[in-house]
Amino acid sequence: MKIRNITLLVFLASLITIVTSILHITKGIFIPALGPFALGFMVLGLAYIARENYKSGKASKKYYKFMLITGLIGGITNIYVGVLQLLSYIK
């Protein structure tokens, strides 16, 4: 995918995360797994953007490795939390 598309998808995922968080805090509306899945997608997208920046010479190798490790840990953790929320909602 082009980096422009990934950037747009990361932006949309961050908007979904912000809106679900605000809804939960202000109105008490809880949508299971939507926030963690969107946040996980956003973090993985940021790691991909860091990879593309490294390949084009705009970012250093240390920055790329840091974003890759942080993105993988954050993405996997948020997807795991989303699955747990879905399972607890179904039960």
Protein backbone atom coordinates (compact mmCIF):
# COMPACT_ATOMS: atom_id res chain seq x y z
CA MET A 1 0.00 0.00 0.00
CA LYS A 2 1.06 3.54 -0.51
CA ILE A 3 2.16 5.46 2.56
CA ARG A 4 -0.54 8.05 1.84
CA ASN A 5 -3.25 5.40 2.26
CA ILE A 6 -1.68 4.08 5.45
CA THR A 7 -1.46 7.61 6.84
CA LEU A 8 -5.14 8.16 6.11
CA LEU A 9 -6.09 4.86 7.74
CA VAL A 10 -3.98 5.68 10.81
CA PHE A 11 -5.72 9.04 11.04
CA LEU A 12 -9.16 7.39 10.85
CA ALA A 13 -8.16 4.80 13.46
CA SER A 14 -6.99 7.55 15.80
CA LEU A 15 -10.29 9.40 15.34
CA ILE A 16 -12.22 6.22 16.15
CA THR A 17 -10.10 5.72 19.26
CA ILE A 18 -10.65 9.29 20.44
CA VAL A 19 -14.40 9.21 19.79
CA THR A 20 -14.91 5.88 21.57
CA SER A 21 -12.86 7.10 24.53
CA ILE A 22 -14.83 10.34 24.80
CA LEU A 23 -18.13 8.46 24.52
CA HIS A 24 -17.09 6.07 27.26
CA ILE A 25 -15.92 8.82 29.59
CA THR A 26 -18.76 11.30 29.08
CA LYS A 27 -21.83 9.19 28.31
CA GLY A 28 -20.82 5.80 29.65
CA ILE A 29 -21.37 4.20 26.23
CA PHE A 30 -19.07 1.23 25.84
CA ILE A 31 -18.50 -0.40 22.47
CA PRO A 32 -16.58 -3.62 23.12
CA ALA A 33 -13.24 -4.03 21.34
CA LEU A 34 -13.65 -1.04 18.99
CA GLY A 35 -11.21 1.19 20.88
CA PRO A 36 -8.45 -1.39 21.38
CA PHE A 37 -8.66 -2.68 17.81
CA ALA A 38 -8.50 0.85 16.40
CA LEU A 39 -5.61 1.75 18.72
CA GLY A 40 -3.75 -1.43 17.80
CA PHE A 41 -4.22 -0.71 14.11
CA MET A 42 -3.05 2.85 14.64
CA VAL A 43 0.16 1.78 16.41
CA LEU A 44 0.95 -0.84 13.76
CA GLY A 45 0.33 1.77 11.08
CA LEU A 46 2.73 4.16 12.76
CA ALA A 47 5.36 1.42 12.79
CA TYR A 48 4.78 0.91 9.06
CA ILE A 49 5.13 4.64 8.42
CA ALA A 50 8.41 4.61 10.36
CA ARG A 51 9.59 1.74 8.14
CA GLU A 52 8.77 3.64 4.98
CA ASN A 53 10.51 6.75 6.33
CA TYR A 54 13.59 4.67 7.10
CA LYS A 55 13.59 3.15 3.62
CA SER A 56 13.36 6.58 2.01
CA GLY A 57 16.15 7.98 4.21
CA LYS A 58 13.97 10.33 6.29
CA ALA A 59 14.46 8.45 9.59
CA SER A 60 17.40 6.88 11.38
CA LYS A 61 17.78 3.16 12.02
CA LYS A 62 17.45 3.64 15.79
CA TYR A 63 14.15 5.46 15.35
CA TYR A 64 12.89 2.74 13.02
CA LYS A 65 13.84 -0.05 15.43
CA PHE A 66 12.26 1.79 18.37
CA MET A 67 9.01 2.38 16.48
CA LEU A 68 8.96 -1.20 15.21
CA ILE A 69 9.38 -2.70 18.67
CA THR A 70 6.94 -0.25 20.26
CA GLY A 71 4.44 -0.76 17.45
CA LEU A 72 4.57 -4.53 17.65
CA ILE A 73 4.20 -4.59 21.42
CA GLY A 74 1.42 -2.00 21.38
CA GLY A 75 -0.40 -3.53 18.44
CA ILE A 76 -0.33 -7.10 19.75
CA THR A 77 -1.32 -5.98 23.24
CA ASN A 78 -4.26 -3.92 22.00
CA ILE A 79 -5.51 -6.69 19.72
CA TYR A 80 -5.27 -9.10 22.66
CA VAL A 81 -7.29 -6.71 24.83
CA GLY A 82 -9.86 -6.32 22.06
CA VAL A 83 -10.29 -10.09 21.78
CA LEU A 84 -10.67 -10.36 25.55
CA GLN A 85 -13.32 -7.62 25.53
CA LEU A 86 -15.23 -9.42 22.80
CA LEU A 87 -15.05 -12.72 24.66
CA SER A 88 -16.22 -11.15 27.91
CA TYR A 89 -19.05 -9.37 26.07
CA ILE A 90 -20.21 -12.58 24.41
CA LYS A 91 -20.34 -14.52 27.71
